[in-house]
Amino acid sequence: MNDDEYSTREFIYYARKIAFCKDATYIYYQLDESLTKKHSPRKFNVYRVFMRLEELAKKEKMKKSLIKTINKHRYSEFYYLQNMYLQDQDKFSLEDQKTIQGYLDEHFASLKPYYTLADYIFRKERIMNKKFIVLFHFIKFQYRKLKNA
């Protein structure tokens, strides 16, 4: 599941030429039985796509801003998957729960922040749904947005 998303990006990156059809038609059927619709542990290993994309971007020495964007997306994806699992945990069997927890643990272990030089001076971070401003890479202030009065 989702391997085509990574493969397509890699193929396009390495392609010498890309052709487009003027009158192409794309038909996609939404089926309730499809893999992406089912409550399945497979939904929770999609993080590997962006992990592999970040590895490719680093290997090919792409722009640091692109690598940083991919890295930030990986963190967002982790929090999204974690929250989705916590909300729907009781809908999974014990075996599926172990599988999903394994995916989440693997995902979390693979996350390493990608910093540019400017990030060592000032950056915003999000850790477990808490927001921080970090100065000089070690002074951390937690903050939250104020609600409208």
C-alpha atoms as a PDB file:
ATOM      1  CA  MET A   1       0.000   0.000   0.000  1.00  0.00           C
ATOM      2  CA  ASN A   2       1.317   3.422  -1.030  1.00  0.00           C
ATOM      3  CA  ASP A   3       4.461   2.071  -2.717  1.00  0.00           C
ATOM      4  CA  ASP A   4       3.243   3.541  -6.000  1.00  0.00           C
ATOM      5  CA  GLU A   5       3.296   7.016  -4.439  1.00  0.00           C
ATOM      6  CA  TYR A   6       7.024   6.742  -3.720  1.00  0.00           C
ATOM      7  CA  SER A   7       7.880   4.875  -6.936  1.00  0.00           C
ATOM      8  CA  THR A   8       6.116   7.428  -9.120  1.00  0.00           C
ATOM      9  CA  ARG A   9       8.083  10.280  -7.566  1.00  0.00           C
ATOM     10  CA  GLU A  10      11.361   8.417  -7.934  1.00  0.00           C
ATOM     11  CA  PHE A  11      10.639   7.496 -11.576  1.00  0.00           C
ATOM     12  CA  ILE A  12       9.784  11.102 -12.427  1.00  0.00           C
ATOM     13  CA  TYR A  13      12.920  12.369 -10.680  1.00  0.00           C
ATOM     14  CA  TYR A  14      15.211  10.050 -12.638  1.00  0.00           C
ATOM     15  CA  ALA A  15      13.365  10.315 -15.973  1.00  0.00           C
ATOM     16  CA  ARG A  16      15.150  12.066 -18.822  1.00  0.00           C
ATOM     17  CA  LYS A  17      11.866  12.861 -20.575  1.00  0.00           C
ATOM     18  CA  ILE A  18       8.240  12.970 -19.505  1.00  0.00           C
ATOM     19  CA  ALA A  19       5.387  12.916 -22.023  1.00  0.00           C
ATOM     20  CA  PHE A  20       1.848  14.131 -21.464  1.00  0.00           C
ATOM     21  CA  CYS A  21      -1.308  13.200 -23.363  1.00  0.00           C
ATOM     22  CA  LYS A  22      -3.703  15.986 -24.305  1.00  0.00           C
ATOM     23  CA  ASP A  23      -6.877  13.928 -24.260  1.00  0.00           C
ATOM     24  CA  ALA A  24      -6.166  11.472 -21.469  1.00  0.00           C
ATOM     25  CA  THR A  25      -8.919  10.232 -19.197  1.00  0.00           C
ATOM     26  CA  TYR A  26      -8.337   8.926 -15.725  1.00  0.00           C
ATOM     27  CA  ILE A  27     -11.074   6.875 -14.108  1.00  0.00           C
ATOM     28  CA  TYR A  28     -10.853   5.987 -10.451  1.00  0.00           C
ATOM     29  CA  TYR A  29     -13.473   3.880  -8.769  1.00  0.00           C
ATOM     30  CA  GLN A  30     -14.104   4.449  -5.078  1.00  0.00           C
ATOM     31  CA  LEU A  31     -14.831   1.045  -3.594  1.00  0.00           C
ATOM     32  CA  ASP A  32     -15.817   0.484   0.011  1.00  0.00           C
ATOM     33  CA  GLU A  33     -13.748  -2.711  -0.034  1.00  0.00           C
ATOM     34  CA  SER A  34     -10.520  -1.005  -1.187  1.00  0.00           C
ATOM     35  CA  LEU A  35      -7.390  -1.149   0.970  1.00  0.00           C
ATOM     36  CA  THR A  36      -7.449   2.580   1.631  1.00  0.00           C
ATOM     37  CA  LYS A  37     -11.026   2.465   2.956  1.00  0.00           C
ATOM     38  CA  LYS A  38     -10.685  -0.478   5.339  1.00  0.00           C
ATOM     39  CA  HIS A  39      -9.723  -0.134   8.965  1.00  0.00           C
ATOM     40  CA  SER A  40      -6.495  -2.032   8.598  1.00  0.00           C
ATOM     41  CA  PRO A  41      -3.018  -1.987  10.152  1.00  0.00           C
ATOM     42  CA  ARG A  42      -1.665  -1.384   6.633  1.00  0.00           C
ATOM     43  CA  LYS A  43      -2.911   2.213   6.846  1.00  0.00           C
ATOM     44  CA  PHE A  44      -0.339   2.834   9.549  1.00  0.00           C
ATOM     45  CA  ASN A  45       2.773   1.979   7.553  1.00  0.00           C
ATOM     46  CA  VAL A  46       2.305   4.737   4.958  1.00  0.00           C
ATOM     47  CA  TYR A  47       4.990   6.756   6.763  1.00  0.00           C
ATOM     48  CA  ARG A  48       7.592   4.720   4.868  1.00  0.00           C
ATOM     49  CA  VAL A  49       6.818   6.678   1.682  1.00  0.00           C
ATOM     50  CA  PHE A  50       8.058   9.955   3.158  1.00  0.00           C
ATOM     51  CA  MET A  51      10.913   8.269   4.995  1.00  0.00           C
ATOM     52  CA  ARG A  52      12.153   6.945   1.632  1.00  0.00           C
ATOM     53  CA  LEU A  53      11.534  10.321  -0.038  1.00  0.00           C
ATOM     54  CA  GLU A  54      13.654  12.059   2.594  1.00  0.00           C
ATOM     55  CA  GLU A  55      16.426   9.487   2.072  1.00  0.00           C
ATOM     56  CA  LEU A  56      16.259  10.062  -1.701  1.00  0.00           C
ATOM     57  CA  ALA A  57      16.361  13.853  -1.290  1.00  0.00           C
ATOM     58  CA  LYS A  58      19.424  13.624   0.959  1.00  0.00           C
ATOM     59  CA  LYS A  59      21.160  11.121  -1.333  1.00  0.00           C
ATOM     60  CA  GLU A  60      20.576  13.325  -4.381  1.00  0.00           C
ATOM     61  CA  LYS A  61      21.597  16.482  -2.449  1.00  0.00           C
ATOM     62  CA  MET A  62      18.326  18.269  -3.177  1.00  0.00           C
ATOM     63  CA  LYS A  63      17.570  21.713  -1.754  1.00  0.00           C
ATOM     64  CA  LYS A  64      17.726  21.870   2.032  1.00  0.00           C
ATOM     65  CA  SER A  65      14.334  23.580   2.110  1.00  0.00           C
ATOM     66  CA  LEU A  66      12.792  20.572   0.304  1.00  0.00           C
ATOM     67  CA  ILE A  67      14.427  18.088   2.679  1.00  0.00           C
ATOM     68  CA  LYS A  68      13.183  20.136   5.627  1.00  0.00           C
ATOM     69  CA  THR A  69       9.633  20.185   4.192  1.00  0.00           C
ATOM     70  CA  ILE A  70       9.646  16.412   3.765  1.00  0.00           C
ATOM     71  CA  ASN A  71      11.027  16.014   7.291  1.00  0.00           C
ATOM     72  CA  LYS A  72       8.300  18.246   8.759  1.00  0.00           C
ATOM     73  CA  HIS A  73       5.686  16.264   6.860  1.00  0.00           C
ATOM     74  CA  ARG A  74       7.039  13.055   8.394  1.00  0.00           C
ATOM     75  CA  TYR A  75       6.498  14.467  11.887  1.00  0.00           C
ATOM     76  CA  SER A  76       2.978  15.638  11.005  1.00  0.00           C
ATOM     77  CA  GLU A  77       2.182  12.233   9.542  1.00  0.00           C
ATOM     78  CA  PHE A  78       3.368  10.532  12.742  1.00  0.00           C
ATOM     79  CA  TYR A  79       1.112  12.665  14.944  1.00  0.00           C
ATOM     80  CA  TYR A  80      -1.808  12.176  12.552  1.00  0.00           C
ATOM     81  CA  LEU A  81      -1.411   8.375  12.507  1.00  0.00           C
ATOM     82  CA  GLN A  82      -0.918   8.243  16.261  1.00  0.00           C
ATOM     83  CA  ASN A  83      -4.084  10.270  16.905  1.00  0.00           C
ATOM     84  CA  MET A  84      -6.073   8.208  14.395  1.00  0.00           C
ATOM     85  CA  TYR A  85      -4.947   5.021  16.145  1.00  0.00           C
ATOM     86  CA  LEU A  86      -5.751   6.320  19.621  1.00  0.00           C
ATOM     87  CA  GLN A  87      -9.250   7.333  18.497  1.00  0.00           C
ATOM     88  CA  ASP A  88      -9.980   3.988  16.807  1.00  0.00           C
ATOM     89  CA  GLN A  89      -7.866   1.622  18.904  1.00  0.00           C
ATOM     90  CA  ASP A  90     -10.845  -0.353  20.205  1.00  0.00           C
ATOM     91  CA  LYS A  91     -11.909  -1.167  16.622  1.00  0.00           C
ATOM     92  CA  PHE A  92      -8.808  -3.338  16.099  1.00  0.00           C
ATOM     93  CA  SER A  93      -8.096  -6.837  17.320  1.00  0.00           C
ATOM     94  CA  LEU A  94      -5.269  -7.302  19.849  1.00  0.00           C
ATOM     95  CA  GLU A  95      -3.051  -8.718  17.099  1.00  0.00           C
ATOM     96  CA  ASP A  96      -3.732  -5.700  14.860  1.00  0.00           C
ATOM     97  CA  GLN A  97      -3.068  -3.368  17.791  1.00  0.00           C
ATOM     98  CA  LYS A  98       0.381  -4.943  18.257  1.00  0.00           C
ATOM     99  CA  THR A  99       1.106  -4.579  14.545  1.00  0.00           C
ATOM    100  CA  ILE A 100       0.013  -0.945  14.496  1.00  0.00           C
ATOM    101  CA  GLN A 101       1.980  -0.147  17.650  1.00  0.00           C
ATOM    102  CA  GLY A 102       5.021  -1.717  15.966  1.00  0.00           C
ATOM    103  CA  TYR A 103       4.549   0.554  12.932  1.00  0.00           C
ATOM    104  CA  LEU A 104       4.173   3.622  15.165  1.00  0.00           C
ATOM    105  CA  ASP A 105       7.258   2.680  17.201  1.00  0.00           C
ATOM    106  CA  GLU A 106       9.288   2.137  14.015  1.00  0.00           C
ATOM    107  CA  HIS A 107       8.059   5.437  12.604  1.00  0.00           C
ATOM    108  CA  PHE A 108       8.911   7.341  15.786  1.00  0.00           C
ATOM    109  CA  ALA A 109      12.372   5.730  16.002  1.00  0.00           C
ATOM    110  CA  SER A 110      13.130   6.755  12.401  1.00  0.00           C
ATOM    111  CA  LEU A 111      12.305  10.434  13.005  1.00  0.00           C
ATOM    112  CA  LYS A 112      15.292  12.731  13.306  1.00  0.00           C
ATOM    113  CA  PRO A 113      14.884  16.484  12.900  1.00  0.00           C
ATOM    114  CA  TYR A 114      16.532  18.014   9.850  1.00  0.00           C
ATOM    115  CA  TYR A 115      18.067  21.347  10.800  1.00  0.00           C
ATOM    116  CA  THR A 116      19.555  24.046   8.617  1.00  0.00           C
ATOM    117  CA  LEU A 117      22.011  26.552  10.081  1.00  0.00           C
ATOM    118  CA  ALA A 118      19.220  29.067  10.751  1.00  0.00           C
ATOM    119  CA  ASP A 119      17.302  26.429  12.730  1.00  0.00           C
ATOM    120  CA  TYR A 120      20.076  26.308  15.311  1.00  0.00           C
ATOM    121  CA  ILE A 121      19.403  29.985  16.055  1.00  0.00           C
ATOM    122  CA  PHE A 122      15.581  30.024  15.951  1.00  0.00           C
ATOM    123  CA  ARG A 123      12.936  27.428  15.154  1.00  0.00           C
ATOM    124  CA  LYS A 124       9.471  26.255  16.111  1.00  0.00           C
ATOM    125  CA  GLU A 125       8.970  22.664  17.221  1.00  0.00           C
ATOM    126  CA  ARG A 126       6.044  20.462  17.964  1.00  0.00           C
ATOM    127  CA  ILE A 127       6.499  17.562  20.347  1.00  0.00           C
ATOM    128  CA  MET A 128       3.538  15.353  21.242  1.00  0.00           C
ATOM    129  CA  ASN A 129       0.984  18.102  20.451  1.00  0.00           C
ATOM    130  CA  LYS A 130       2.905  20.767  22.414  1.00  0.00           C
ATOM    131  CA  LYS A 131       4.401  23.737  20.606  1.00  0.00           C
ATOM    132  CA  PHE A 132       7.786  25.250  21.387  1.00  0.00           C
ATOM    133  CA  ILE A 133      10.049  28.049  20.256  1.00  0.00           C
ATOM    134  CA  VAL A 134      13.706  27.035  20.434  1.00  0.00           C
ATOM    135  CA  LEU A 135      16.509  29.585  20.593  1.00  0.00           C
ATOM    136  CA  PHE A 136      20.162  28.749  20.024  1.00  0.00           C
ATOM    137  CA  HIS A 137      19.300  25.044  19.867  1.00  0.00           C
ATOM    138  CA  PHE A 138      18.833  24.652  23.639  1.00  0.00           C
ATOM    139  CA  ILE A 139      16.559  27.355  25.125  1.00  0.00           C
ATOM    140  CA  LYS A 140      12.968  26.108  24.789  1.00  0.00           C
ATOM    141  CA  PHE A 141       9.749  28.043  25.423  1.00  0.00           C
ATOM    142  CA  GLN A 142       6.400  26.299  25.269  1.00  0.00           C
ATOM    143  CA  TYR A 143       3.606  28.344  23.753  1.00  0.00           C
ATOM    144  CA  ARG A 144       0.046  28.013  22.580  1.00  0.00           C
ATOM    145  CA  LYS A 145      -2.189  30.188  20.470  1.00  0.00           C
ATOM    146  CA  LEU A 146      -4.623  32.293  22.427  1.00  0.00           C
ATOM    147  CA  LYS A 147      -8.290  31.688  21.719  1.00  0.00           C
ATOM    148  CA  ASN A 148     -10.362  34.617  20.512  1.00  0.00           C
ATOM    149  CA  ALA A 149     -11.996  36.423  23.419  1.00  0.00           C
END
